[in-house]
Amino acid sequence: MASQRRQVHHDEMSDSVDGVGGEVCIDSKSTDKVRLKRNVGFISGSSFIVGSIIGSGIFISPKGVLEETQSVGLSMVVWAAGGVLSLLGALTYAELGTLIPKSGAEYPYLLEAMHPIVAYLFAWTKVIVLQPSAVAIVSLTFAEYVATFMEYCGSPQSPIKLIAALVILTICIINCYDTSLASSVQVIFTGAKLIALGIIIVGGIVRMAQGHLSVLQTGFSGTTSSPSSVALAFYSAMWAYDAWNNLNNLTEELKNPFVNLPRANVSGILLVTVIYILANISYFTVLTADELLESDAVAVDWGKRVLGVAWYIIPLSVLCSTFGAANGFCFAGSRVVYCAAREGHLPEVLSYVHCTRYTPVLSIIFTCGIATLMIIPSDTAGLIDFFSFAAWTFYALTGLALIILRFTRRNDHRPIKVFILIPVVFFLVSAFLVIAPIVQDPRIEILYALFFILGGLVLYFPFVCFKLDRGCFDCVTTFLQLVSESVPSPYIPDE
């Protein structure tokens, strides 16, 4: 039925759009070759990873990590371990991404290794909550830092939400216009944020040379003994590391993915880990533990203490950082929508690609639209807890998926094959991060996330499992095709 509808829309599009405005001419032969273009190379891929990871987290998460660990020593261990965990995840995903070279990251991997219902629940959670909430969080952070320049007028919430909405709209337009433009934006803003973090790191080195080591010398004094607190500390740190897997969403747009996917993943994550550790050391050479715990914007307080009248450089750098991160989340999230729709787990029209720009415009608009709606409550702390629990649930399942595929597809060619302990350790640590908070401290956000994930079953059984006829939506699909100038884009393996 889905394939028949695709052909109907395909033919209708050929008849209806031909000659519109004298610019668009689509026929059945041309649409056979409409697909995502491979415009992302090693440099832009590495920049995409670094730019997506370094968002608001490193500027605000140190407080949450220290609050849960209760010691400088353990907080530094958590930051370093977060980088190691991200690297293990990236290596796991590198094998999966070259074994199953489809866009969508976890979605095609879960679909291949497990029951389709698991892949559907991931798509449901990722599409409706994870990626849009990430875009919303970093866009709100962008708006709040803009507010530091607007203190003279009180910075009410309405302007902050309006600024966040404008950020999302701008990112939506950039991503719809051209994939290469979105990649270029990522490269530019990645460079800007690295310069800012370089200032923080150099400032920390100077402070260390001057002997300001008192806070670092407290070590593990007062360290928590609660596994739940350690897991929640990882939630804060891993929010700063999140997006380590974003490049797997773009596998079909990578040049030479078998080479560039693992290289870009590993190089990007190693660079981010070093930057995060040095930035945290710098924070502790300037701020005491109590000052850091009382701060809502650690980097800004650091800037006011070290840079004096030039402190505004820091909020400006955060603006660059969060804009780049929001662009990365939008870029990757829209590809998950695209892939899930192509498999029939979301409305098929969301998998259509613009006939001349080769961008999945409808999936981009869908992702940005939900993110804009999430700005209304603007509870970033709750969104982060909600996001982290749901995300690590599926990270754990994806690690398990690779272990399963080692047995079910043992004879398949693997351009990359990692040591089996890598996915095993990644799975076990991810499972701990999911289970520990439920057992010891079941916060309401975590329970909401659990119920929301399972709530996807309400739509799965009638529309996916029993294939309830959705023919009534054909007219909507045709209308959206005409308006967006989009056509079906089936998966076409490289020849």
Protein backbone atom coordinates (compact mmCIF):
# COMPACT_ATOMS: atom_id res chain seq x y z
CA MET A 1 0.00 0.00 0.00
CA ALA A 2 2.79 2.42 0.92
CA SER A 3 4.65 1.71 -2.29
CA GLN A 4 1.46 2.18 -4.30
CA ARG A 5 0.80 5.53 -2.66
CA ARG A 6 4.42 6.53 -3.32
CA GLN A 7 3.91 5.82 -7.03
CA VAL A 8 0.64 7.75 -7.05
CA HIS A 9 2.27 10.79 -5.45
CA HIS A 10 5.27 10.36 -7.71
CA ASP A 11 3.08 10.46 -10.84
CA GLU A 12 0.87 13.27 -9.55
CA MET A 13 3.94 15.30 -8.78
CA SER A 14 5.22 14.77 -12.32
CA ASP A 15 1.93 16.00 -13.80
CA SER A 16 1.22 18.81 -11.35
CA VAL A 17 4.56 20.50 -10.83
CA ASP A 18 5.83 20.42 -14.42
CA GLY A 19 6.36 24.00 -15.50
CA VAL A 20 5.25 25.71 -12.28
CA GLY A 21 6.72 29.21 -12.33
CA GLY A 22 8.80 28.21 -15.34
CA GLU A 23 11.49 26.78 -13.03
CA VAL A 24 10.53 23.35 -11.74
CA CYS A 25 10.22 20.42 -14.11
CA ILE A 26 9.93 16.97 -12.61
CA ASP A 27 9.39 13.72 -14.47
CA SER A 28 9.49 10.10 -13.47
CA LYS A 29 13.02 9.60 -14.81
CA SER A 30 14.49 12.55 -12.90
CA THR A 31 12.92 11.57 -9.59
CA ASP A 32 14.42 8.09 -9.82
CA LYS A 33 17.80 9.69 -9.02
CA VAL A 34 16.65 12.11 -6.32
CA ARG A 35 18.61 11.26 -3.19
CA LEU A 36 20.70 12.85 -0.47
CA LYS A 37 24.03 14.11 -1.84
CA ARG A 38 27.43 13.26 -0.33
CA ASN A 39 28.62 16.76 0.55
CA VAL A 40 30.15 16.12 4.01
CA GLY A 41 33.88 15.34 4.10
CA PHE A 42 36.37 14.63 6.92
CA ILE A 43 36.94 18.27 7.93
CA SER A 44 33.26 19.23 7.86
CA GLY A 45 32.38 15.91 9.54
CA SER A 46 34.87 16.49 12.38
CA SER A 47 33.64 20.07 12.71
CA PHE A 48 30.09 18.77 12.78
CA ILE A 49 30.94 16.45 15.70
CA VAL A 50 32.86 19.11 17.65
CA GLY A 51 30.31 21.80 16.87
CA SER A 52 27.36 19.62 17.85
CA ILE A 53 28.96 18.41 21.11
CA ILE A 54 30.25 21.77 22.35
CA GLY A 55 27.04 23.63 23.01
CA SER A 56 25.76 25.01 26.29
CA GLY A 57 26.97 22.07 28.41
CA ILE A 58 30.58 23.02 29.13
CA PHE A 59 29.44 26.50 30.17
CA ILE A 60 26.72 25.38 32.62
CA SER A 61 27.11 21.64 33.41
CA PRO A 62 30.17 21.84 35.75
CA LYS A 63 27.81 22.98 38.50
CA GLY A 64 25.57 19.91 38.12
CA VAL A 65 28.52 17.50 38.06
CA LEU A 66 30.11 19.00 41.20
CA GLU A 67 26.74 19.13 42.96
CA GLU A 68 26.22 15.37 42.53
CA THR A 69 29.82 14.18 43.06
CA GLN A 70 30.47 16.54 46.00
CA SER A 71 34.22 16.60 45.30
CA VAL A 72 36.54 18.18 42.78
CA GLY A 73 38.42 14.92 42.25
CA LEU A 74 35.40 12.81 41.36
CA SER A 75 33.95 15.57 39.20
CA MET A 76 37.14 15.57 37.11
CA VAL A 77 36.97 11.77 36.88
CA VAL A 78 33.38 12.01 35.64
CA TRP A 79 34.36 14.53 32.96
CA ALA A 80 37.23 12.32 31.78
CA ALA A 81 35.08 9.17 31.96
CA GLY A 82 32.40 10.95 29.95
CA GLY A 83 34.90 11.40 27.14
CA VAL A 84 35.94 7.74 27.33
CA LEU A 85 32.29 6.61 27.30
CA SER A 86 31.59 8.84 24.30
CA LEU A 87 34.62 7.38 22.51
CA LEU A 88 33.47 3.81 23.23
CA GLY A 89 30.05 4.75 21.89
CA ALA A 90 31.56 6.35 18.79
CA LEU A 91 33.62 3.22 18.04
CA THR A 92 30.53 1.06 18.52
CA TYR A 93 28.55 3.31 16.21
CA ALA A 94 31.41 3.36 13.67
CA GLU A 95 31.12 -0.40 13.16
CA LEU A 96 27.34 -0.17 12.98
CA GLY A 97 27.50 2.77 10.58
CA THR A 98 29.76 0.94 8.12
CA LEU A 99 27.91 -2.38 8.48
CA ILE A 100 24.54 -0.67 7.92
CA PRO A 101 25.42 2.49 5.91
CA LYS A 102 22.06 4.22 6.22
CA SER A 103 21.24 7.62 7.70
CA GLY A 104 19.30 7.75 10.95
CA ALA A 105 21.95 6.47 13.42
CA GLU A 106 20.28 4.22 16.01
CA TYR A 107 17.08 3.75 14.01
CA PRO A 108 18.36 1.47 11.19
CA TYR A 109 20.63 -0.39 13.65
CA LEU A 110 17.77 -1.23 16.02
CA LEU A 111 15.54 -2.07 13.06
CA GLU A 112 18.08 -4.58 11.74
CA ALA A 113 19.11 -6.17 15.06
CA MET A 114 15.86 -6.23 17.02
CA HIS A 115 12.10 -6.28 16.57
CA PRO A 116 10.72 -3.36 14.51
CA ILE A 117 8.79 -2.21 17.58
CA VAL A 118 12.09 -1.26 19.28
CA ALA A 119 13.13 0.84 16.29
CA TYR A 120 9.69 2.42 16.20
CA LEU A 121 9.82 3.38 19.89
CA PHE A 122 13.25 4.91 19.31
CA ALA A 123 11.96 6.89 16.34
CA TRP A 124 8.92 7.99 18.34
CA THR A 125 11.06 9.19 21.25
CA LYS A 126 13.85 10.68 19.14
CA VAL A 127 11.54 12.50 16.75
CA ILE A 128 9.04 13.89 19.24
CA VAL A 129 11.28 14.51 22.27
CA LEU A 130 15.03 14.01 22.03
CA GLN A 131 16.12 16.07 19.05
CA PRO A 132 13.49 18.82 19.38
CA SER A 133 14.16 19.17 23.12
CA ALA A 134 17.90 19.45 22.44
CA VAL A 135 17.26 22.20 19.89
CA ALA A 136 14.91 23.92 22.37
CA ILE A 137 17.39 23.73 25.28
CA VAL A 138 20.33 25.20 23.39
CA SER A 139 18.14 27.83 21.70
CA LEU A 140 16.83 28.94 25.10
CA THR A 141 20.40 29.04 26.39
CA PHE A 142 21.31 31.25 23.42
CA ALA A 143 18.41 33.57 24.27
CA GLU A 144 19.31 33.70 27.97
CA TYR A 145 22.88 34.72 27.17
CA VAL A 146 21.57 37.40 24.81
CA ALA A 147 19.64 38.61 27.85
CA THR A 148 22.95 39.38 29.60
CA PHE A 149 23.25 42.32 27.20
CA MET A 150 19.64 43.40 27.87
CA GLU A 151 19.67 43.66 31.65
CA TYR A 152 18.85 47.34 31.47
CA CYS A 153 15.32 46.48 30.33
CA GLY A 154 14.70 43.59 32.71
CA SER A 155 14.98 40.70 30.23
CA PRO A 156 11.42 39.35 30.65
CA GLN A 157 10.65 35.78 29.56
CA SER A 158 8.63 36.73 26.48
CA PRO A 159 11.58 38.34 24.63
CA ILE A 160 13.79 35.39 25.61
CA LYS A 161 11.31 32.91 24.12
CA LEU A 162 10.92 35.10 21.04
CA ILE A 163 14.69 35.17 20.51
CA ALA A 164 14.84 31.38 20.91
CA ALA A 165 12.06 30.98 18.34
CA LEU A 166 13.93 33.25 15.90
CA VAL A 167 17.07 31.15 16.36
CA ILE A 168 15.12 27.99 15.48
CA LEU A 169 13.55 29.70 12.45
CA THR A 170 16.98 30.82 11.19
CA ILE A 171 18.42 27.33 11.59
CA CYS A 172 15.40 25.85 9.81
CA ILE A 173 15.90 28.15 6.81
CA ILE A 174 19.64 27.39 6.62
CA ASN A 175 19.12 23.63 6.70
CA CYS A 176 16.28 23.72 4.17
CA TYR A 177 18.26 25.88 1.78
CA ASP A 178 21.39 23.79 1.34
CA THR A 179 23.27 20.95 3.08
CA SER A 180 26.62 22.52 2.19
CA LEU A 181 25.54 25.83 3.74
CA ALA A 182 24.53 24.06 6.97
CA SER A 183 27.91 22.29 7.03
CA SER A 184 29.71 25.61 6.44
CA VAL A 185 27.81 27.21 9.32
CA GLN A 186 28.98 24.33 11.49
CA VAL A 187 32.63 24.86 10.52
CA ILE A 188 32.50 28.64 11.12
CA PHE A 189 30.83 28.45 14.54
CA THR A 190 33.04 25.55 15.61
CA GLY A 191 36.08 27.75 15.02
CA ALA A 192 34.54 30.63 16.98
CA LYS A 193 33.70 28.53 20.03
CA LEU A 194 37.14 26.87 20.07
CA ILE A 195 38.76 30.31 20.18
CA ALA A 196 36.61 31.22 23.20
CA LEU A 197 37.38 27.97 24.99
CA GLY A 198 41.03 28.55 24.15
CA ILE A 199 40.84 31.82 26.11
CA ILE A 200 39.43 29.95 29.13
CA ILE A 201 42.08 27.22 28.88
CA VAL A 202 44.99 29.65 28.50
CA GLY A 203 43.62 31.68 31.41
CA GLY A 204 43.59 28.52 33.52
CA ILE A 205 47.17 27.64 32.59
CA VAL A 206 48.30 31.14 33.60
CA ARG A 207 46.47 30.83 36.93
CA MET A 208 48.08 27.43 37.56
CA ALA A 209 51.50 28.90 36.81
CA GLN A 210 50.75 31.58 39.40
CA GLY A 211 50.07 28.86 41.99
CA HIS A 212 46.26 29.02 42.22
CA LEU A 213 45.74 25.31 42.93
CA SER A 214 43.94 25.33 46.29
CA VAL A 215 40.63 23.94 45.02
CA LEU A 216 42.27 21.25 42.90
CA GLN A 217 44.32 20.12 45.91
CA THR A 218 41.16 19.18 47.84
CA GLY A 219 41.01 16.07 45.64
CA PHE A 220 38.35 13.52 46.58
CA SER A 221 37.47 15.04 49.95
CA GLY A 222 33.71 14.69 50.60
CA THR A 223 33.10 12.37 47.63
CA THR A 224 29.59 10.90 47.40
CA SER A 225 29.09 7.16 47.86
CA SER A 226 25.68 7.01 46.15
CA PRO A 227 25.56 5.17 42.77
CA SER A 228 22.47 7.21 41.90
CA SER A 229 24.36 10.48 42.45
CA VAL A 230 27.21 9.25 40.25
CA ALA A 231 24.71 8.36 37.52
CA LEU A 232 23.07 11.79 37.78
CA ALA A 233 26.50 13.43 37.64
CA PHE A 234 27.07 11.53 34.40
CA TYR A 235 23.72 12.86 33.16
CA SER A 236 25.02 16.43 33.57
CA ALA A 237 28.40 15.64 32.03
CA MET A 238 26.97 13.57 29.20
CA TRP A 239 24.57 16.38 28.33
CA ALA A 240 27.73 18.37 27.56
CA TYR A 241 29.06 15.43 25.50
CA ASP A 242 25.77 14.60 23.83
CA ALA A 243 25.77 14.58 20.03
CA TRP A 244 28.87 12.37 19.95
CA ASN A 245 26.82 10.08 17.69
CA ASN A 246 25.34 12.75 15.43
CA LEU A 247 27.54 12.01 12.43
CA ASN A 248 25.92 8.57 12.10
CA ASN A 249 22.70 10.39 11.24
CA LEU A 250 24.39 11.64 8.07
CA THR A 251 25.98 8.43 6.77
CA GLU A 252 24.28 8.77 3.38
CA GLU A 253 25.70 12.31 3.04
CA LEU A 254 29.31 11.48 3.98
CA LYS A 255 32.01 11.29 1.36
CA ASN A 256 33.72 7.88 1.64
CA PRO A 257 31.84 7.00 4.87
CA PHE A 258 33.86 3.82 5.57
CA VAL A 259 36.94 6.01 6.10
CA ASN A 260 35.57 9.38 7.19
CA LEU A 261 32.95 8.17 9.69
CA PRO A 262 35.38 6.57 12.21
CA ARG A 263 38.12 9.15 11.61
CA ALA A 264 35.82 12.12 12.15
CA ASN A 265 34.13 10.52 15.18
CA VAL A 266 37.35 9.61 17.00
CA SER A 267 39.24 12.83 16.22
CA GLY A 268 36.28 15.02 17.14
CA ILE A 269 35.57 13.30 20.47
CA LEU A 270 39.23 13.21 21.53
CA LEU A 271 39.53 16.94 20.86
CA VAL A 272 36.37 17.69 22.84
CA THR A 273 37.50 15.54 25.81
CA VAL A 274 40.82 17.38 26.09
CA ILE A 275 39.06 20.75 25.82
CA TYR A 276 36.51 19.84 28.53
CA ILE A 277 39.11 18.62 31.02
CA LEU A 278 41.30 21.70 30.54
CA ALA A 279 38.27 24.02 30.77
CA ASN A 280 37.19 22.45 34.08
CA ILE A 281 40.70 22.77 35.47
CA SER A 282 40.59 26.44 34.48
CA TYR A 283 37.27 26.94 36.27
CA PHE A 284 38.69 25.45 39.47
CA THR A 285 41.77 27.70 39.36
CA VAL A 286 39.51 30.77 39.43
CA LEU A 287 36.35 29.81 41.35
CA THR A 288 36.02 28.01 44.67
CA ALA A 289 33.74 24.98 44.93
CA ASP A 290 31.07 27.06 46.72
CA GLU A 291 31.24 29.81 44.09
CA LEU A 292 30.88 27.27 41.31
CA LEU A 293 27.87 25.65 43.02
CA GLU A 294 26.17 29.05 43.36
CA SER A 295 26.74 29.94 39.71
CA ASP A 296 24.13 29.42 36.98
CA ALA A 297 26.60 30.42 34.24
CA VAL A 298 30.06 29.26 35.29
CA ALA A 299 31.86 30.59 32.24
CA VAL A 300 30.42 34.09 32.65
CA ASP A 301 31.50 34.24 36.30
CA TRP A 302 34.94 33.03 35.24
CA GLY A 303 35.09 35.78 32.61
CA LYS A 304 34.10 38.52 35.05
CA ARG A 305 36.85 37.38 37.44
CA VAL A 306 39.64 36.97 34.88
CA LEU A 307 38.82 39.23 31.91
CA GLY A 308 37.44 42.23 33.78
CA VAL A 309 35.78 44.72 31.43
CA ALA A 310 36.23 42.26 28.53
CA TRP A 311 34.00 39.67 30.24
CA TYR A 312 31.39 40.07 27.49
CA ILE A 313 33.63 37.94 25.23
CA ILE A 314 32.39 34.88 27.11
CA PRO A 315 28.63 35.31 26.57
CA LEU A 316 29.38 36.14 22.92
CA SER A 317 31.29 32.87 22.63
CA VAL A 318 28.40 31.00 24.23
CA LEU A 319 26.10 32.48 21.59
CA CYS A 320 28.36 31.06 18.86
CA SER A 321 28.55 27.75 20.68
CA THR A 322 24.83 27.30 21.20
CA PHE A 323 23.91 28.42 17.70
CA GLY A 324 26.30 25.87 16.23
CA ALA A 325 24.95 23.15 18.53
CA ALA A 326 21.34 23.95 17.65
CA ASN A 327 22.25 23.77 13.97
CA GLY A 328 23.85 20.36 14.52
CA PHE A 329 20.86 18.98 16.45
CA CYS A 330 18.47 20.21 13.76
CA PHE A 331 20.63 18.76 10.98
CA ALA A 332 20.88 15.34 12.61
CA GLY A 333 17.35 15.18 14.04
CA SER A 334 15.70 15.86 10.72
CA ARG A 335 17.57 12.88 9.22
CA VAL A 336 16.09 10.57 11.85
CA VAL A 337 12.63 11.79 10.85
CA TYR A 338 13.55 11.23 7.20
CA CYS A 339 14.78 7.67 7.81
CA ALA A 340 11.85 6.64 10.03
CA ALA A 341 9.34 7.98 7.51
CA ARG A 342 11.09 6.11 4.71
CA GLU A 343 10.63 2.86 6.68
CA GLY A 344 6.90 3.56 7.18
CA HIS A 345 7.05 4.38 10.91
CA LEU A 346 6.10 8.02 10.31
CA PRO A 347 4.02 9.67 7.56
CA GLU A 348 5.73 8.87 4.26
CA VAL A 349 5.76 12.50 3.12
CA LEU A 350 8.36 13.31 5.79
CA SER A 351 10.88 11.21 3.82
CA TYR A 352 10.55 13.31 0.67
CA VAL A 353 13.50 15.37 -0.57
CA HIS A 354 13.45 18.74 -2.34
CA CYS A 355 13.75 18.11 -6.06
CA THR A 356 16.56 20.61 -6.71
CA ARG A 357 18.18 21.36 -3.34
CA TYR A 358 18.26 17.68 -2.26
CA THR A 359 17.39 18.53 1.35
CA PRO A 360 14.66 16.81 3.41
CA VAL A 361 12.74 20.06 3.88
CA LEU A 362 9.59 18.57 5.41
CA SER A 363 11.49 16.60 8.07
CA ILE A 364 13.52 19.73 8.91
CA ILE A 365 10.36 21.84 9.29
CA PHE A 366 8.76 19.09 11.39
CA THR A 367 11.72 18.96 13.81
CA CYS A 368 11.98 22.74 14.15
CA GLY A 369 8.22 23.08 14.63
CA ILE A 370 8.18 20.73 17.63
CA ALA A 371 11.26 22.45 19.08
CA THR A 372 9.45 25.78 18.89
CA LEU A 373 6.49 24.33 20.81
CA MET A 374 8.84 23.08 23.54
CA ILE A 375 10.03 26.63 24.18
CA ILE A 376 6.68 27.47 25.78
CA PRO A 377 7.26 25.70 29.16
CA SER A 378 11.02 26.53 28.98
CA ASP A 379 11.99 24.26 31.89
CA THR A 380 15.50 23.44 30.76
CA ALA A 381 16.47 21.48 33.89
CA GLY A 382 13.48 19.15 33.54
CA LEU A 383 14.09 18.78 29.82
CA ILE A 384 17.71 17.77 30.44
CA ASP A 385 16.73 15.00 32.92
CA PHE A 386 13.95 13.84 30.59
CA PHE A 387 16.32 13.93 27.62
CA SER A 388 19.18 12.09 29.35
CA PHE A 389 17.15 9.14 30.64
CA ALA A 390 15.44 8.56 27.30
CA ALA A 391 18.67 8.99 25.33
CA TRP A 392 20.72 6.56 27.41
CA THR A 393 17.95 3.97 27.26
CA PHE A 394 18.41 3.76 23.51
CA TYR A 395 22.19 4.15 23.64
CA ALA A 396 22.23 0.99 25.77
CA LEU A 397 19.96 -0.83 23.32
CA THR A 398 22.16 0.23 20.41
CA GLY A 399 25.25 -1.18 22.13
CA LEU A 400 23.30 -4.40 22.62
CA ALA A 401 22.31 -4.31 18.93
CA LEU A 402 25.96 -4.54 17.82
CA ILE A 403 26.51 -7.52 20.13
CA ILE A 404 23.45 -9.22 18.61
CA LEU A 405 24.60 -8.48 15.04
CA ARG A 406 27.97 -10.09 15.78
CA PHE A 407 26.00 -13.37 15.98
CA THR A 408 23.14 -12.85 13.51
CA ARG A 409 25.33 -11.35 10.75
CA ARG A 410 28.69 -12.83 11.63
CA ASN A 411 29.66 -13.49 8.00
CA ASP A 412 28.89 -10.00 6.69
CA HIS A 413 31.75 -7.81 5.50
CA ARG A 414 32.70 -5.22 8.12
CA PRO A 415 34.93 -2.36 6.94
CA ILE A 416 35.41 -1.61 10.65
CA LYS A 417 35.34 -4.27 13.37
CA VAL A 418 36.00 -3.17 16.95
CA PHE A 419 37.11 -5.35 19.85
CA ILE A 420 34.01 -7.03 21.32
CA LEU A 421 34.66 -5.62 24.80
CA ILE A 422 34.07 -2.10 23.49
CA PRO A 423 30.32 -2.54 22.79
CA VAL A 424 29.97 -4.76 25.89
CA VAL A 425 31.42 -2.10 28.22
CA PHE A 426 29.44 0.62 26.47
CA PHE A 427 26.22 -1.37 26.93
CA LEU A 428 26.87 -2.14 30.62
CA VAL A 429 27.74 1.47 31.54
CA SER A 430 24.76 2.81 29.61
CA ALA A 431 22.46 0.31 31.33
CA PHE A 432 23.82 1.45 34.72
CA LEU A 433 23.03 5.08 33.87
CA VAL A 434 19.44 4.06 33.08
CA ILE A 435 18.79 1.66 35.98
CA ALA A 436 20.56 3.39 38.91
CA PRO A 437 18.35 6.54 39.01
CA ILE A 438 15.17 4.42 38.78
CA VAL A 439 16.21 2.19 41.67
CA GLN A 440 17.58 4.82 44.07
CA ASP A 441 16.01 8.13 43.08
CA PRO A 442 13.04 7.83 40.68
CA ARG A 443 12.55 11.51 39.84
CA ILE A 444 9.33 12.58 38.15
CA GLU A 445 11.11 13.54 34.91
CA ILE A 446 12.52 10.01 34.62
CA LEU A 447 9.10 8.46 35.17
CA TYR A 448 7.60 10.79 32.56
CA ALA A 449 10.28 9.71 30.10
CA LEU A 450 9.57 6.02 30.75
CA PHE A 451 5.82 6.44 30.31
CA PHE A 452 6.34 8.54 27.20
CA ILE A 453 8.55 5.92 25.55
CA LEU A 454 5.95 3.20 26.16
CA GLY A 455 3.18 5.58 25.07
CA GLY A 456 4.39 5.20 21.49
CA LEU A 457 2.71 1.79 21.45
CA VAL A 458 -0.67 3.54 21.23
CA LEU A 459 0.11 4.51 17.63
CA TYR A 460 2.30 1.54 16.72
CA PHE A 461 -0.29 -1.21 16.82
CA PRO A 462 -3.07 0.41 14.73
CA PHE A 463 -0.94 2.23 12.15
CA VAL A 464 2.27 0.18 11.87
CA CYS A 465 1.49 -3.32 13.10
CA PHE A 466 -2.05 -3.66 11.69
CA LYS A 467 -1.46 -1.12 8.89
CA LEU A 468 -4.69 0.79 9.37
CA ASP A 469 -5.52 2.43 6.06
CA ARG A 470 -4.18 5.98 5.89
CA GLY A 471 -5.48 6.70 2.42
CA CYS A 472 -7.39 9.70 3.74
CA PHE A 473 -4.01 11.46 4.12
CA ASP A 474 -3.15 11.13 0.42
CA CYS A 475 -4.51 14.57 -0.41
CA VAL A 476 -2.45 16.09 2.41
CA THR A 477 0.65 14.30 1.12
CA THR A 478 0.09 15.58 -2.42
CA PHE A 479 -0.48 19.13 -1.15
CA LEU A 480 2.72 19.07 0.90
CA GLN A 481 4.64 17.73 -2.09
CA LEU A 482 3.45 20.57 -4.27
CA VAL A 483 4.11 23.26 -1.68
CA SER A 484 7.57 21.97 -0.73
CA GLU A 485 8.56 20.81 -4.24
CA SER A 486 9.58 17.45 -2.75
CA VAL A 487 9.61 13.95 -4.22
CA PRO A 488 10.03 10.40 -2.83
CA SER A 489 13.62 9.46 -2.00
CA PRO A 490 14.09 5.68 -1.60
CA TYR A 491 17.36 4.33 -0.24
CA ILE A 492 19.82 3.80 -3.13
CA PRO A 493 23.00 1.88 -2.20
CA ASP A 494 26.25 3.12 -3.70
CA GLU A 495 27.18 1.33 -6.90
